[in-house]
């Protein structure tokens, strides 16, 4: 992917993943990596920030003899995700409009 992704868009992606089902860090990172070259050293501070902001909660669950930290979206997180999705649609549509108008020579 050639286009850089902002921290807010990464937050939107993370909240979108966790909205579908509780997820752990590695699982989230594999989905976000589909569109971003994000490293775990970048992802975990964003997860902590979302948790500290009240958008996510975390709990530990055993998996194959090891504890795994899962993240769950809160009501406040769902509200933030709704806001970020609306912002994304406006941003995406504005970019599409500019690109399409420039392609038509308008």
PDB file of N, CA and C in Angstrom:
ATOM      1  N   UNK A   1       0.851  -1.165   0.000  1.00  0.00           N
ATOM      2  CA  UNK A   1       0.000   0.000   0.000  1.00  0.00           C
ATOM      3  C   UNK A   1       0.899   1.231   0.000  1.00  0.00           C
ATOM      4  N   UNK A   2       0.649   2.120  -0.917  1.00  0.00           N
ATOM      5  CA  UNK A   2       1.494   3.297  -1.072  1.00  0.00           C
ATOM      6  C   UNK A   2       1.038   4.494  -0.263  1.00  0.00           C
ATOM      7  N   UNK A   3      -0.214   4.522   0.120  1.00  0.00           N
ATOM      8  CA  UNK A   3      -0.745   5.687   0.804  1.00  0.00           C
ATOM      9  C   UNK A   3      -0.598   5.539   2.315  1.00  0.00           C
ATOM     10  N   UNK A   4      -0.038   6.561   2.957  1.00  0.00           N
ATOM     11  CA  UNK A   4       0.095   6.485   4.425  1.00  0.00           C
ATOM     12  C   UNK A   4      -1.285   6.538   5.082  1.00  0.00           C
ATOM     13  N   UNK A   5      -1.375   5.897   6.218  1.00  0.00           N
ATOM     14  CA  UNK A   5      -2.627   5.858   6.960  1.00  0.00           C
ATOM     15  C   UNK A   5      -2.436   6.615   8.263  1.00  0.00           C
ATOM     16  N   UNK A   6      -3.353   7.511   8.543  1.00  0.00           N
ATOM     17  CA  UNK A   6      -3.259   8.330   9.747  1.00  0.00           C
ATOM     18  C   UNK A   6      -3.568   7.497  10.985  1.00  0.00           C
ATOM     19  N   UNK A   7      -3.149   8.007  12.118  1.00  0.00           N
ATOM     20  CA  UNK A   7      -3.418   7.337  13.394  1.00  0.00           C
ATOM     21  C   UNK A   7      -4.918   7.223  13.641  1.00  0.00           C
ATOM     22  N   UNK A   8      -5.680   8.244  13.259  1.00  0.00           N
ATOM     23  CA  UNK A   8      -7.136   8.198  13.447  1.00  0.00           C
ATOM     24  C   UNK A   8      -7.772   7.111  12.587  1.00  0.00           C
ATOM     25  N   UNK A   9      -7.264   6.929  11.375  1.00  0.00           N
ATOM     26  CA  UNK A   9      -7.806   5.872  10.526  1.00  0.00           C
ATOM     27  C   UNK A   9      -7.453   4.500  11.102  1.00  0.00           C
ATOM     28  N   UNK A  10      -6.271   4.364  11.666  1.00  0.00           N
ATOM     29  CA  UNK A  10      -5.897   3.106  12.316  1.00  0.00           C
ATOM     30  C   UNK A  10      -6.817   2.857  13.510  1.00  0.00           C
ATOM     31  N   UNK A  11      -7.122   3.899  14.277  1.00  0.00           N
ATOM     32  CA  UNK A  11      -8.063   3.762  15.391  1.00  0.00           C
ATOM     33  C   UNK A  11      -9.425   3.293  14.868  1.00  0.00           C
ATOM     34  N   UNK A  12      -9.873   3.856  13.769  1.00  0.00           N
ATOM     35  CA  UNK A  12     -11.147   3.473  13.172  1.00  0.00           C
ATOM     36  C   UNK A  12     -11.117   2.003  12.756  1.00  0.00           C
ATOM     37  N   UNK A  13     -10.020   1.570  12.162  1.00  0.00           N
ATOM     38  CA  UNK A  13      -9.885   0.174  11.749  1.00  0.00           C
ATOM     39  C   UNK A  13      -9.912  -0.759  12.961  1.00  0.00           C
ATOM     40  N   UNK A  14      -9.175  -0.397  13.989  1.00  0.00           N
ATOM     41  CA  UNK A  14      -9.125  -1.227  15.206  1.00  0.00           C
ATOM     42  C   UNK A  14     -10.514  -1.338  15.830  1.00  0.00           C
ATOM     43  N   UNK A  15     -11.188  -0.207  15.988  1.00  0.00           N
ATOM     44  CA  UNK A  15     -12.524  -0.222  16.579  1.00  0.00           C
ATOM     45  C   UNK A  15     -13.490  -1.025  15.709  1.00  0.00           C
ATOM     46  N   UNK A  16     -13.326  -0.954  14.393  1.00  0.00           N
ATOM     47  CA  UNK A  16     -14.181  -1.720  13.485  1.00  0.00           C
ATOM     48  C   UNK A  16     -13.972  -3.216  13.658  1.00  0.00           C
ATOM     49  N   UNK A  17     -12.722  -3.627  13.813  1.00  0.00           N
ATOM     50  CA  UNK A  17     -12.406  -5.047  14.012  1.00  0.00           C
ATOM     51  C   UNK A  17     -13.018  -5.534  15.317  1.00  0.00           C
ATOM     52  N   UNK A  18     -12.808  -4.768  16.383  1.00  0.00           N
ATOM     53  CA  UNK A  18     -13.252  -5.188  17.711  1.00  0.00           C
ATOM     54  C   UNK A  18     -14.778  -5.084  17.848  1.00  0.00           C
ATOM     55  N   UNK A  19     -15.406  -4.234  17.032  1.00  0.00           N
ATOM     56  CA  UNK A  19     -16.860  -4.147  17.069  1.00  0.00           C
ATOM     57  C   UNK A  19     -17.494  -5.472  16.626  1.00  0.00           C
ATOM     58  N   UNK A  20     -16.871  -6.141  15.678  1.00  0.00           N
ATOM     59  CA  UNK A  20     -17.400  -7.405  15.167  1.00  0.00           C
ATOM     60  C   UNK A  20     -17.275  -8.507  16.216  1.00  0.00           C
ATOM     61  N   UNK A  21     -16.097  -8.584  16.849  1.00  0.00           N
ATOM     62  CA  UNK A  21     -15.886  -9.574  17.910  1.00  0.00           C
ATOM     63  C   UNK A  21     -14.668  -9.176  18.722  1.00  0.00           C
ATOM     64  N   UNK A  22     -14.656  -9.578  19.979  1.00  0.00           N
ATOM     65  CA  UNK A  22     -13.495  -9.327  20.821  1.00  0.00           C
ATOM     66  C   UNK A  22     -12.278  -9.951  20.142  1.00  0.00           C
ATOM     67  N   UNK A  23     -11.168  -9.233  20.155  1.00  0.00           N
ATOM     68  CA  UNK A  23      -9.975  -9.686  19.451  1.00  0.00           C
ATOM     69  C   UNK A  23      -8.736  -9.410  20.271  1.00  0.00           C
ATOM     70  N   UNK A  24      -7.674 -10.134  19.971  1.00  0.00           N
ATOM     71  CA  UNK A  24      -6.394  -9.919  20.639  1.00  0.00           C
ATOM     72  C   UNK A  24      -5.457  -9.197  19.675  1.00  0.00           C
ATOM     73  N   UNK A  25      -4.384  -8.655  20.214  1.00  0.00           N
ATOM     74  CA  UNK A  25      -3.499  -7.776  19.470  1.00  0.00           C
ATOM     75  C   UNK A  25      -2.999  -8.324  18.143  1.00  0.00           C
ATOM     76  N   UNK A  26      -2.492  -9.555  18.145  1.00  0.00           N
ATOM     77  CA  UNK A  26      -1.946 -10.119  16.904  1.00  0.00           C
ATOM     78  C   UNK A  26      -3.034 -10.252  15.849  1.00  0.00           C
ATOM     79  N   UNK A  27      -4.212 -10.690  16.266  1.00  0.00           N
ATOM     80  CA  UNK A  27      -5.331 -10.839  15.334  1.00  0.00           C
ATOM     81  C   UNK A  27      -5.700  -9.478  14.726  1.00  0.00           C
ATOM     82  N   UNK A  28      -5.762  -8.469  15.565  1.00  0.00           N
ATOM     83  CA  UNK A  28      -6.067  -7.115  15.084  1.00  0.00           C
ATOM     84  C   UNK A  28      -4.994  -6.649  14.110  1.00  0.00           C
ATOM     85  N   UNK A  29      -3.734  -6.878  14.457  1.00  0.00           N
ATOM     86  CA  UNK A  29      -2.635  -6.415  13.605  1.00  0.00           C
ATOM     87  C   UNK A  29      -2.675  -7.064  12.230  1.00  0.00           C
ATOM     88  N   UNK A  30      -3.047  -8.337  12.147  1.00  0.00           N
ATOM     89  CA  UNK A  30      -3.099  -9.013  10.852  1.00  0.00           C
ATOM     90  C   UNK A  30      -4.170  -8.418   9.951  1.00  0.00           C
ATOM     91  N   UNK A  31      -5.259  -7.980  10.525  1.00  0.00           N
ATOM     92  CA  UNK A  31      -6.319  -7.352   9.727  1.00  0.00           C
ATOM     93  C   UNK A  31      -5.899  -5.953   9.297  1.00  0.00           C
ATOM     94  N   UNK A  32      -5.345  -5.180  10.221  1.00  0.00           N
ATOM     95  CA  UNK A  32      -4.912  -3.816   9.895  1.00  0.00           C
ATOM     96  C   UNK A  32      -3.784  -3.848   8.862  1.00  0.00           C
ATOM     97  N   UNK A  33      -2.941  -4.878   8.910  1.00  0.00           N
ATOM     98  CA  UNK A  33      -1.834  -4.994   7.949  1.00  0.00           C
ATOM     99  C   UNK A  33      -2.297  -5.203   6.512  1.00  0.00           C
ATOM    100  N   UNK A  34      -3.570  -5.506   6.325  1.00  0.00           N
ATOM    101  CA  UNK A  34      -4.088  -5.624   4.961  1.00  0.00           C
ATOM    102  C   UNK A  34      -4.016  -4.290   4.225  1.00  0.00           C
ATOM    103  N   UNK A  35      -4.025  -3.182   4.968  1.00  0.00           N
ATOM    104  CA  UNK A  35      -3.998  -1.856   4.348  1.00  0.00           C
ATOM    105  C   UNK A  35      -2.874  -0.963   4.866  1.00  0.00           C
ATOM    106  N   UNK A  36      -2.124  -1.443   5.822  1.00  0.00           N
ATOM    107  CA  UNK A  36      -1.086  -0.617   6.431  1.00  0.00           C
ATOM    108  C   UNK A  36       0.103  -1.479   6.829  1.00  0.00           C
ATOM    109  N   UNK A  37       1.266  -0.915   6.714  1.00  0.00           N
ATOM    110  CA  UNK A  37       2.480  -1.617   7.127  1.00  0.00           C
ATOM    111  C   UNK A  37       2.742  -1.341   8.609  1.00  0.00           C
ATOM    112  N   UNK A  38       1.729  -1.562   9.421  1.00  0.00           N
ATOM    113  CA  UNK A  38       1.827  -1.261  10.848  1.00  0.00           C
ATOM    114  C   UNK A  38       2.648  -2.333  11.562  1.00  0.00           C
ATOM    115  N   UNK A  39       3.433  -1.896  12.507  1.00  0.00           N
ATOM    116  CA  UNK A  39       4.226  -2.819  13.314  1.00  0.00           C
ATOM    117  C   UNK A  39       3.571  -2.948  14.682  1.00  0.00           C
ATOM    118  N   UNK A  40       3.830  -4.074  15.340  1.00  0.00           N
ATOM    119  CA  UNK A  40       3.247  -4.284  16.662  1.00  0.00           C
ATOM    120  C   UNK A  40       3.675  -3.180  17.626  1.00  0.00           C
ATOM    121  N   UNK A  41       4.896  -2.662  17.438  1.00  0.00           N
ATOM    122  CA  UNK A  41       5.378  -1.596  18.319  1.00  0.00           C
ATOM    123  C   UNK A  41       4.569  -0.309  18.140  1.00  0.00           C
ATOM    124  N   UNK A  42       3.868  -0.180  17.035  1.00  0.00           N
ATOM    125  CA  UNK A  42       2.976   0.955  16.802  1.00  0.00           C
ATOM    126  C   UNK A  42       1.563   0.625  17.251  1.00  0.00           C
ATOM    127  N   UNK A  43       1.145  -0.613  17.009  1.00  0.00           N
ATOM    128  CA  UNK A  43      -0.218  -1.017  17.308  1.00  0.00           C
ATOM    129  C   UNK A  43      -0.532  -0.981  18.800  1.00  0.00           C
ATOM    130  N   UNK A  44       0.334  -1.545  19.623  1.00  0.00           N
ATOM    131  CA  UNK A  44       0.014  -1.668  21.048  1.00  0.00           C
ATOM    132  C   UNK A  44      -0.136  -0.327  21.764  1.00  0.00           C
ATOM    133  N   UNK A  45       0.661   0.689  21.444  1.00  0.00           N
ATOM    134  CA  UNK A  45       0.382   2.003  22.055  1.00  0.00           C
ATOM    135  C   UNK A  45      -0.982   2.570  21.647  1.00  0.00           C
ATOM    136  N   UNK A  46      -1.417   2.297  20.407  1.00  0.00           N
ATOM    137  CA  UNK A  46      -2.732   2.765  19.971  1.00  0.00           C
ATOM    138  C   UNK A  46      -3.820   2.008  20.729  1.00  0.00           C
ATOM    139  N   UNK A  47      -3.638   0.712  20.925  1.00  0.00           N
ATOM    140  CA  UNK A  47      -4.597  -0.065  21.716  1.00  0.00           C
ATOM    141  C   UNK A  47      -4.684   0.475  23.142  1.00  0.00           C
ATOM    142  N   UNK A  48      -3.525   0.787  23.736  1.00  0.00           N
ATOM    143  CA  UNK A  48      -3.515   1.358  25.096  1.00  0.00           C
ATOM    144  C   UNK A  48      -4.224   2.700  25.126  1.00  0.00           C
ATOM    145  N   UNK A  49      -3.987   3.517  24.110  1.00  0.00           N
ATOM    146  CA  UNK A  49      -4.639   4.830  24.036  1.00  0.00           C
ATOM    147  C   UNK A  49      -6.153   4.662  23.947  1.00  0.00           C
ATOM    148  N   UNK A  50      -6.613   3.732  23.126  1.00  0.00           N
ATOM    149  CA  UNK A  50      -8.052   3.487  23.001  1.00  0.00           C
ATOM    150  C   UNK A  50      -8.636   2.970  24.311  1.00  0.00           C
ATOM    151  N   UNK A  51      -7.860   2.151  25.004  1.00  0.00           N
ATOM    152  CA  UNK A  51      -8.300   1.640  26.306  1.00  0.00           C
ATOM    153  C   UNK A  51      -8.353   2.771  27.342  1.00  0.00           C
ATOM    154  N   UNK A  52      -7.309   3.594  27.381  1.00  0.00           N
ATOM    155  CA  UNK A  52      -7.263   4.713  28.327  1.00  0.00           C
ATOM    156  C   UNK A  52      -8.338   5.758  28.047  1.00  0.00           C
ATOM    157  N   UNK A  53      -8.755   5.866  26.783  1.00  0.00           N
ATOM    158  CA  UNK A  53      -9.809   6.811  26.402  1.00  0.00           C
ATOM    159  C   UNK A  53     -11.200   6.277  26.697  1.00  0.00           C
ATOM    160  N   UNK A  54     -11.277   5.019  27.108  1.00  0.00           N
ATOM    161  CA  UNK A  54     -12.568   4.422  27.422  1.00  0.00           C
ATOM    162  C   UNK A  54     -13.279   3.812  26.234  1.00  0.00           C
ATOM    163  N   UNK A  55     -12.588   3.700  25.092  1.00  0.00           N
ATOM    164  CA  UNK A  55     -13.197   3.139  23.893  1.00  0.00           C
ATOM    165  C   UNK A  55     -13.097   1.615  23.850  1.00  0.00           C
ATOM    166  N   UNK A  56     -12.105   1.075  24.539  1.00  0.00           N
ATOM    167  CA  UNK A  56     -11.918  -0.367  24.619  1.00  0.00           C
ATOM    168  C   UNK A  56     -11.744  -0.775  26.073  1.00  0.00           C
ATOM    169  N   UNK A  57     -12.127  -1.994  26.372  1.00  0.00           N
ATOM    170  CA  UNK A  57     -11.757  -2.611  27.641  1.00  0.00           C
ATOM    171  C   UNK A  57     -10.954  -3.856  27.285  1.00  0.00           C
ATOM    172  N   UNK A  58     -10.171  -4.328  28.232  1.00  0.00           N
ATOM    173  CA  UNK A  58      -9.333  -5.498  27.984  1.00  0.00           C
ATOM    174  C   UNK A  58      -9.558  -6.536  29.077  1.00  0.00           C
ATOM    175  N   UNK A  59      -9.417  -7.769  28.685  1.00  0.00           N
ATOM    176  CA  UNK A  59      -9.482  -8.869  29.645  1.00  0.00           C
ATOM    177  C   UNK A  59      -8.539  -9.969  29.168  1.00  0.00           C
ATOM    178  N   UNK A  60      -8.139 -10.815  30.086  1.00  0.00           N
ATOM    179  CA  UNK A  60      -7.217 -11.894  29.782  1.00  0.00           C
ATOM    180  C   UNK A  60      -7.970 -13.217  29.753  1.00  0.00           C
ATOM    181  N   UNK A  61      -7.628 -14.016  28.763  1.00  0.00           N
ATOM    182  CA  UNK A  61      -8.238 -15.334  28.641  1.00  0.00           C
ATOM    183  C   UNK A  61      -7.152 -16.336  28.258  1.00  0.00           C
ATOM    184  N   UNK A  62      -7.225 -17.514  28.843  1.00  0.00           N
ATOM    185  CA  UNK A  62      -6.224 -18.535  28.545  1.00  0.00           C
ATOM    186  C   UNK A  62      -6.487 -19.142  27.173  1.00  0.00           C
ATOM    187  N   UNK A  63      -5.393 -19.340  26.424  1.00  0.00           N
ATOM    188  CA  UNK A  63      -5.457 -19.975  25.118  1.00  0.00           C
ATOM    189  C   UNK A  63      -4.226 -20.860  24.969  1.00  0.00           C
ATOM    190  N   UNK A  64      -4.430 -22.143  24.854  1.00  0.00           N
ATOM    191  CA  UNK A  64      -3.354 -23.129  24.707  1.00  0.00           C
ATOM    192  C   UNK A  64      -2.280 -22.961  25.782  1.00  0.00           C
ATOM    193  N   UNK A  65      -2.742 -22.810  27.029  1.00  0.00           N
ATOM    194  CA  UNK A  65      -1.842 -22.730  28.168  1.00  0.00           C
ATOM    195  C   UNK A  65      -1.207 -21.373  28.407  1.00  0.00           C
ATOM    196  N   UNK A  66      -1.525 -20.389  27.579  1.00  0.00           N
ATOM    197  CA  UNK A  66      -0.967 -19.042  27.751  1.00  0.00           C
ATOM    198  C   UNK A  66      -2.108 -18.041  27.870  1.00  0.00           C
ATOM    199  N   UNK A  67      -1.838 -16.959  28.568  1.00  0.00           N
ATOM    200  CA  UNK A  67      -2.839 -15.903  28.678  1.00  0.00           C
ATOM    201  C   UNK A  67      -2.751 -14.988  27.468  1.00  0.00           C
ATOM    202  N   UNK A  68      -3.904 -14.649  26.956  1.00  0.00           N
ATOM    203  CA  UNK A  68      -3.994 -13.768  25.791  1.00  0.00           C
ATOM    204  C   UNK A  68      -4.880 -12.594  26.189  1.00  0.00           C
ATOM    205  N   UNK A  69      -4.457 -11.381  25.848  1.00  0.00           N
ATOM    206  CA  UNK A  69      -5.218 -10.181  26.173  1.00  0.00           C
ATOM    207  C   UNK A  69      -6.176  -9.866  25.026  1.00  0.00           C
ATOM    208  N   UNK A  70      -7.458  -9.861  25.355  1.00  0.00           N
ATOM    209  CA  UNK A  70      -8.500  -9.552  24.377  1.00  0.00           C
ATOM    210  C   UNK A  70      -9.032  -8.146  24.615  1.00  0.00           C
ATOM    211  N   UNK A  71      -9.437  -7.511  23.521  1.00  0.00           N
ATOM    212  CA  UNK A  71     -10.003  -6.175  23.587  1.00  0.00           C
ATOM    213  C   UNK A  71     -11.467  -6.235  23.182  1.00  0.00           C
ATOM    214  N   UNK A  72     -12.270  -5.451  23.886  1.00  0.00           N
ATOM    215  CA  UNK A  72     -13.707  -5.390  23.657  1.00  0.00           C
ATOM    216  C   UNK A  72     -14.104  -3.921  23.532  1.00  0.00           C
ATOM    217  N   UNK A  73     -15.005  -3.627  22.612  1.00  0.00           N
ATOM    218  CA  UNK A  73     -15.430  -2.235  22.416  1.00  0.00           C
ATOM    219  C   UNK A  73     -16.468  -1.856  23.473  1.00  0.00           C
ATOM    220  N   UNK A  74     -16.408  -0.620  23.929  1.00  0.00           N
ATOM    221  CA  UNK A  74     -17.367  -0.094  24.906  1.00  0.00           C
ATOM    222  C   UNK A  74     -18.437   0.712  24.166  1.00  0.00           C
ATOM    223  N   UNK A  75     -19.463   1.124  24.888  1.00  0.00           N
ATOM    224  CA  UNK A  75     -20.484   1.994  24.284  1.00  0.00           C
ATOM    225  C   UNK A  75     -19.849   3.292  23.793  1.00  0.00           C
ATOM    226  N   UNK A  76     -18.958   3.827  24.599  1.00  0.00           N
ATOM    227  CA  UNK A  76     -18.245   5.049  24.192  1.00  0.00           C
ATOM    228  C   UNK A  76     -17.422   4.789  22.932  1.00  0.00           C
ATOM    229  N   UNK A  77     -16.839   3.601  22.843  1.00  0.00           N
ATOM    230  CA  UNK A  77     -16.077   3.216  21.653  1.00  0.00           C
ATOM    231  C   UNK A  77     -16.961   3.100  20.427  1.00  0.00           C
ATOM    232  N   UNK A  78     -18.177   2.579  20.620  1.00  0.00           N
ATOM    233  CA  UNK A  78     -19.116   2.488  19.497  1.00  0.00           C
ATOM    234  C   UNK A  78     -19.507   3.875  19.008  1.00  0.00           C
ATOM    235  N   UNK A  79     -19.682   4.809  19.936  1.00  0.00           N
ATOM    236  CA  UNK A  79     -19.991   6.195  19.544  1.00  0.00           C
ATOM    237  C   UNK A  79     -18.826   6.823  18.787  1.00  0.00           C
ATOM    238  N   UNK A  80     -17.613   6.588  19.270  1.00  0.00           N
ATOM    239  CA  UNK A  80     -16.426   7.105  18.591  1.00  0.00           C
ATOM    240  C   UNK A  80     -16.296   6.492  17.205  1.00  0.00           C
ATOM    241  N   UNK A  81     -16.553   5.191  17.089  1.00  0.00           N
ATOM    242  CA  UNK A  81     -16.472   4.518  15.792  1.00  0.00           C
ATOM    243  C   UNK A  81     -17.488   5.106  14.820  1.00  0.00           C
ATOM    244  N   UNK A  82     -18.687   5.357  15.282  1.00  0.00           N
ATOM    245  CA  UNK A  82     -19.708   5.966  14.424  1.00  0.00           C
ATOM    246  C   UNK A  82     -19.234   7.329  13.922  1.00  0.00           C
ATOM    247  N   UNK A  83     -18.669   8.129  14.819  1.00  0.00           N
ATOM    248  CA  UNK A  83     -18.119   9.435  14.436  1.00  0.00           C
ATOM    249  C   UNK A  83     -16.998   9.275  13.402  1.00  0.00           C
ATOM    250  N   UNK A  84     -16.059   8.352  13.651  1.00  0.00           N
ATOM    251  CA  UNK A  84     -14.938   8.156  12.735  1.00  0.00           C
ATOM    252  C   UNK A  84     -15.391   7.629  11.379  1.00  0.00           C
ATOM    253  N   UNK A  85     -16.405   6.775  11.367  1.00  0.00           N
ATOM    254  CA  UNK A  85     -16.927   6.267  10.093  1.00  0.00           C
ATOM    255  C   UNK A  85     -17.539   7.401   9.274  1.00  0.00           C
ATOM    256  N   UNK A  86     -18.279   8.297   9.924  1.00  0.00           N
ATOM    257  CA  UNK A  86     -18.866   9.439   9.220  1.00  0.00           C
ATOM    258  C   UNK A  86     -17.771  10.338   8.657  1.00  0.00           C
ATOM    259  N   UNK A  87     -16.725  10.570   9.445  1.00  0.00           N
ATOM    260  CA  UNK A  87     -15.597  11.377   8.985  1.00  0.00           C
ATOM    261  C   UNK A  87     -14.908  10.715   7.798  1.00  0.00           C
ATOM    262  N   UNK A  88     -14.758   9.390   7.864  1.00  0.00           N
ATOM    263  CA  UNK A  88     -14.109   8.644   6.786  1.00  0.00           C
ATOM    264  C   UNK A  88     -14.914   8.766   5.486  1.00  0.00           C
ATOM    265  N   UNK A  89     -16.230   8.619   5.566  1.00  0.00           N
ATOM    266  CA  UNK A  89     -17.072   8.701   4.374  1.00  0.00           C
ATOM    267  C   UNK A  89     -16.938  10.088   3.737  1.00  0.00           C
ATOM    268  N   UNK A  90     -16.964  11.130   4.547  1.00  0.00           N
ATOM    269  CA  UNK A  90     -16.807  12.488   4.025  1.00  0.00           C
ATOM    270  C   UNK A  90     -15.438  12.651   3.365  1.00  0.00           C
ATOM    271  N   UNK A  91     -14.393  12.182   4.028  1.00  0.00           N
ATOM    272  CA  UNK A  91     -13.017  12.276   3.515  1.00  0.00           C
ATOM    273  C   UNK A  91     -12.887  11.505   2.207  1.00  0.00           C
ATOM    274  N   UNK A  92     -13.361  10.261   2.199  1.00  0.00           N
ATOM    275  CA  UNK A  92     -13.270   9.404   1.012  1.00  0.00           C
ATOM    276  C   UNK A  92     -14.038  10.019  -0.151  1.00  0.00           C
ATOM    277  N   UNK A  93     -15.262  10.470   0.101  1.00  0.00           N
ATOM    278  CA  UNK A  93     -16.078  11.046  -0.962  1.00  0.00           C
ATOM    279  C   UNK A  93     -15.449  12.316  -1.516  1.00  0.00           C
ATOM    280  N   UNK A  94     -14.846  13.124  -0.657  1.00  0.00           N
ATOM    281  CA  UNK A  94     -14.184  14.353  -1.111  1.00  0.00           C
ATOM    282  C   UNK A  94     -12.989  14.021  -1.998  1.00  0.00           C
ATOM    283  N   UNK A  95     -12.200  13.056  -1.597  1.00  0.00           N
ATOM    284  CA  UNK A  95     -11.049  12.642  -2.413  1.00  0.00           C
ATOM    285  C   UNK A  95     -11.529  12.085  -3.746  1.00  0.00           C
ATOM    286  N   UNK A  96     -12.547  11.209  -3.722  1.00  0.00           N
ATOM    287  CA  UNK A  96     -13.086  10.657  -4.965  1.00  0.00           C
ATOM    288  C   UNK A  96     -13.579  11.756  -5.893  1.00  0.00           C
ATOM    289  N   UNK A  97     -14.231  12.746  -5.317  1.00  0.00           N
ATOM    290  CA  UNK A  97     -14.746  13.847  -6.123  1.00  0.00           C
ATOM    291  C   UNK A  97     -13.607  14.619  -6.784  1.00  0.00           C
ATOM    292  N   UNK A  98     -12.571  14.898  -6.033  1.00  0.00           N
ATOM    293  CA  UNK A  98     -11.424  15.617  -6.590  1.00  0.00           C
ATOM    294  C   UNK A  98     -10.765  14.793  -7.696  1.00  0.00           C
ATOM    295  N   UNK A  99     -10.508  13.530  -7.423  1.00  0.00           N
ATOM    296  CA  UNK A  99      -9.840  12.667  -8.405  1.00  0.00           C
ATOM    297  C   UNK A  99     -10.695  12.507  -9.653  1.00  0.00           C
ATOM    298  N   UNK A 100     -11.977  12.266  -9.484  1.00  0.00           N
ATOM    299  CA  UNK A 100     -12.849  12.059 -10.639  1.00  0.00           C
ATOM    300  C   UNK A 100     -13.028  13.323 -11.464  1.00  0.00           C
ATOM    301  N   UNK A 101     -13.105  14.484 -10.812  1.00  0.00           N
ATOM    302  CA  UNK A 101     -13.230  15.741 -11.542  1.00  0.00           C
ATOM    303  C   UNK A 101     -11.934  16.060 -12.291  1.00  0.00           C
ATOM    304  N   UNK A 102     -10.819  15.769 -11.678  1.00  0.00           N
ATOM    305  CA  UNK A 102      -9.538  16.027 -12.338  1.00  0.00           C
ATOM    306  C   UNK A 102      -9.370  15.100 -13.540  1.00  0.00           C
ATOM    307  N   UNK A 103      -9.832  13.876 -13.423  1.00  0.00           N
ATOM    308  CA  UNK A 103      -9.735  12.917 -14.528  1.00  0.00           C
ATOM    309  C   UNK A 103     -10.594  13.358 -15.698  1.00  0.00           C
ATOM    310  N   UNK A 104     -11.696  14.042 -15.431  1.00  0.00           N
ATOM    311  CA  UNK A 104     -12.601  14.510 -16.489  1.00  0.00           C
ATOM    312  C   UNK A 104     -12.187  15.888 -17.012  1.00  0.00           C
ATOM    313  N   UNK A 105     -11.176  16.475 -16.386  1.00  0.00           N
ATOM    314  CA  UNK A 105     -10.716  17.787 -16.814  1.00  0.00           C
ATOM    315  C   UNK A 105     -11.632  18.913 -16.400  1.00  0.00           C
ATOM    316  N   UNK A 106     -12.400  18.700 -15.349  1.00  0.00           N
ATOM    317  CA  UNK A 106     -13.344  19.735 -14.885  1.00  0.00           C
ATOM    318  C   UNK A 106     -12.669  20.681 -13.923  1.00  0.00           C
TER     319      UNK A 106
END
